[in-house]
Protein backbone atom coordinates (compact mmCIF):
# COMPACT_ATOMS: atom_id res chain seq x y z
CA MET A 1 -25.31 -7.92 21.54
CA ASN A 2 -22.76 -10.74 21.36
CA GLU A 3 -19.38 -9.67 22.77
CA GLU A 4 -17.56 -12.95 22.20
CA ALA A 5 -13.87 -12.32 21.58
CA ILE A 6 -12.30 -13.11 18.22
CA THR A 7 -8.76 -14.43 17.98
CA ILE A 8 -6.56 -13.44 15.04
CA LYS A 9 -3.32 -15.32 14.51
CA LEU A 10 -0.36 -13.64 12.84
CA THR A 11 3.22 -14.67 12.41
CA ARG A 12 5.72 -12.56 14.32
CA ASP A 13 6.81 -10.94 11.03
CA GLN A 14 3.20 -10.12 10.12
CA ALA A 15 2.57 -8.68 13.57
CA LEU A 16 5.72 -6.53 13.45
CA VAL A 17 4.96 -5.14 10.00
CA LEU A 18 1.30 -4.51 10.83
CA SER A 19 2.26 -2.83 14.09
CA ASP A 20 4.62 -0.50 12.27
CA TRP A 21 2.02 0.35 9.62
CA LEU A 22 -0.60 1.07 12.29
CA TYR A 23 1.89 3.27 14.12
CA GLN A 24 2.60 5.19 10.92
CA VAL A 25 -1.09 5.69 10.15
CA MET A 26 -2.19 6.48 13.68
CA PHE A 27 0.66 8.50 15.12
CA GLN A 28 3.00 9.69 12.40
CA SER A 29 0.63 10.81 9.65
CA ASP A 30 -2.09 12.35 11.83
CA ASP A 31 -4.46 11.22 9.06
CA LEU A 32 -6.32 8.31 10.61
CA GLU A 33 -9.59 10.12 9.90
CA GLY A 34 -8.61 10.58 6.25
CA ILE A 35 -7.71 6.91 5.88
CA VAL A 36 -10.53 5.53 8.05
CA PRO A 37 -13.36 8.08 8.09
CA ASP A 38 -15.77 5.87 10.06
CA ARG A 39 -14.77 6.38 13.69
CA ALA A 40 -16.50 3.14 14.68
CA VAL A 41 -13.60 1.34 12.95
CA TRP A 42 -11.12 3.15 15.18
CA SER A 43 -12.06 1.02 18.19
CA PRO A 44 -10.81 -2.26 16.70
CA ILE A 45 -7.81 -0.48 15.16
CA TYR A 46 -6.77 0.81 18.58
CA ALA A 47 -7.41 -2.61 20.15
CA ILE A 48 -5.24 -4.36 17.57
CA SER A 49 -2.50 -1.74 17.83
CA GLY A 50 -2.47 -1.91 21.63
CA THR A 51 -2.36 -5.70 21.64
CA LEU A 52 0.55 -5.70 19.19
CA ASP A 53 2.44 -3.12 21.26
CA LYS A 54 2.04 -5.23 24.39
CA THR A 55 3.14 -8.40 22.60
CA LEU A 56 6.08 -7.28 20.46
CA SER A 57 9.27 -6.69 22.43
CA GLU A 58 11.03 -5.90 19.13
CA ILE A 59 9.48 -2.44 18.98
CA PHE A 60 11.58 -1.41 21.98
CA MET A 61 14.87 -2.84 20.72
CA PRO A 62 17.66 -0.58 19.44
CA ASP A 63 17.87 -2.59 16.21
CA TYR A 64 14.14 -2.18 15.49
CA GLY A 65 14.70 -0.75 11.99
CA PRO A 66 16.78 -3.65 10.69
CA ARG A 67 14.43 -6.18 12.31
CA LEU A 68 11.44 -4.52 10.66
CA GLU A 69 13.12 -4.44 7.25
CA ALA A 70 14.10 -8.11 7.56
CA ALA A 71 10.51 -9.02 8.46
CA LYS A 72 9.22 -7.06 5.45
CA GLU A 73 11.68 -8.82 3.15
CA ARG A 74 10.63 -12.24 4.44
CA LEU A 75 6.94 -11.41 3.96
CA ARG A 76 7.58 -10.11 0.44
CA ALA A 77 9.52 -13.26 -0.37
CA ASP A 78 6.63 -15.38 0.91
CA LEU A 79 4.13 -13.42 -1.20
CA TYR A 80 6.13 -12.89 -4.37
CA GLY A 81 8.73 -15.64 -4.31
CA GLY A 82 11.61 -13.17 -4.06
CA ALA A 83 12.66 -10.51 -1.58
CA ASP A 84 13.40 -7.92 -4.26
CA GLU A 85 9.78 -7.47 -5.39
CA PRO A 86 8.19 -4.13 -4.40
CA THR A 87 4.91 -4.19 -2.50
CA THR A 88 3.07 -2.52 -5.38
CA PRO A 89 4.24 -1.61 -8.88
CA GLY A 90 6.49 1.43 -8.74
CA GLN A 91 6.75 1.40 -4.95
CA GLU A 92 10.22 1.17 -3.49
CA THR A 93 11.08 0.06 0.01
CA THR A 94 12.03 2.81 2.43
CA ASP A 95 14.07 2.89 5.56
CA ALA A 96 12.09 2.29 8.69
CA PRO A 97 11.73 5.22 11.07
CA ASP A 98 13.47 4.99 14.40
CA ARG A 99 10.39 3.84 16.23
CA ALA A 100 12.27 2.21 19.09
CA GLY A 101 13.11 5.58 20.61
CA ASN A 102 9.49 6.72 20.43
CA HIS A 103 7.79 3.87 22.27
CA GLY A 104 6.92 4.40 25.85
CA GLU A 105 7.75 8.10 25.77
CA GLY A 106 4.17 9.32 25.91
CA ASP A 107 3.56 9.81 22.19
CA ARG A 108 1.38 6.71 21.98
CA GLY A 109 -0.97 7.52 24.82
CA ARG A 110 0.91 5.73 27.55
């Protein structure tokens, strides 16, 4: 079995938004099994999530919510040519949860 590591490059905005989404799926919804029924996929999901958590200092900052929303807006603008476009038809943007207060307090397996 070849265990050569794979490197994935993301912009800081992509990493922040992906980290938040993974956090929502894995720790807020308690529905990882419903979203990803094959537990073999959980290993890379946890590896990616852990790597992002170790890399992104923003997730511990008191202004995490506004930083996350700004990153989402920039990514939407890059994809759709304007920051006002929803991610999918009929989907509105929502306020980010206060994730900064939750990191490092034991709820993420630390």
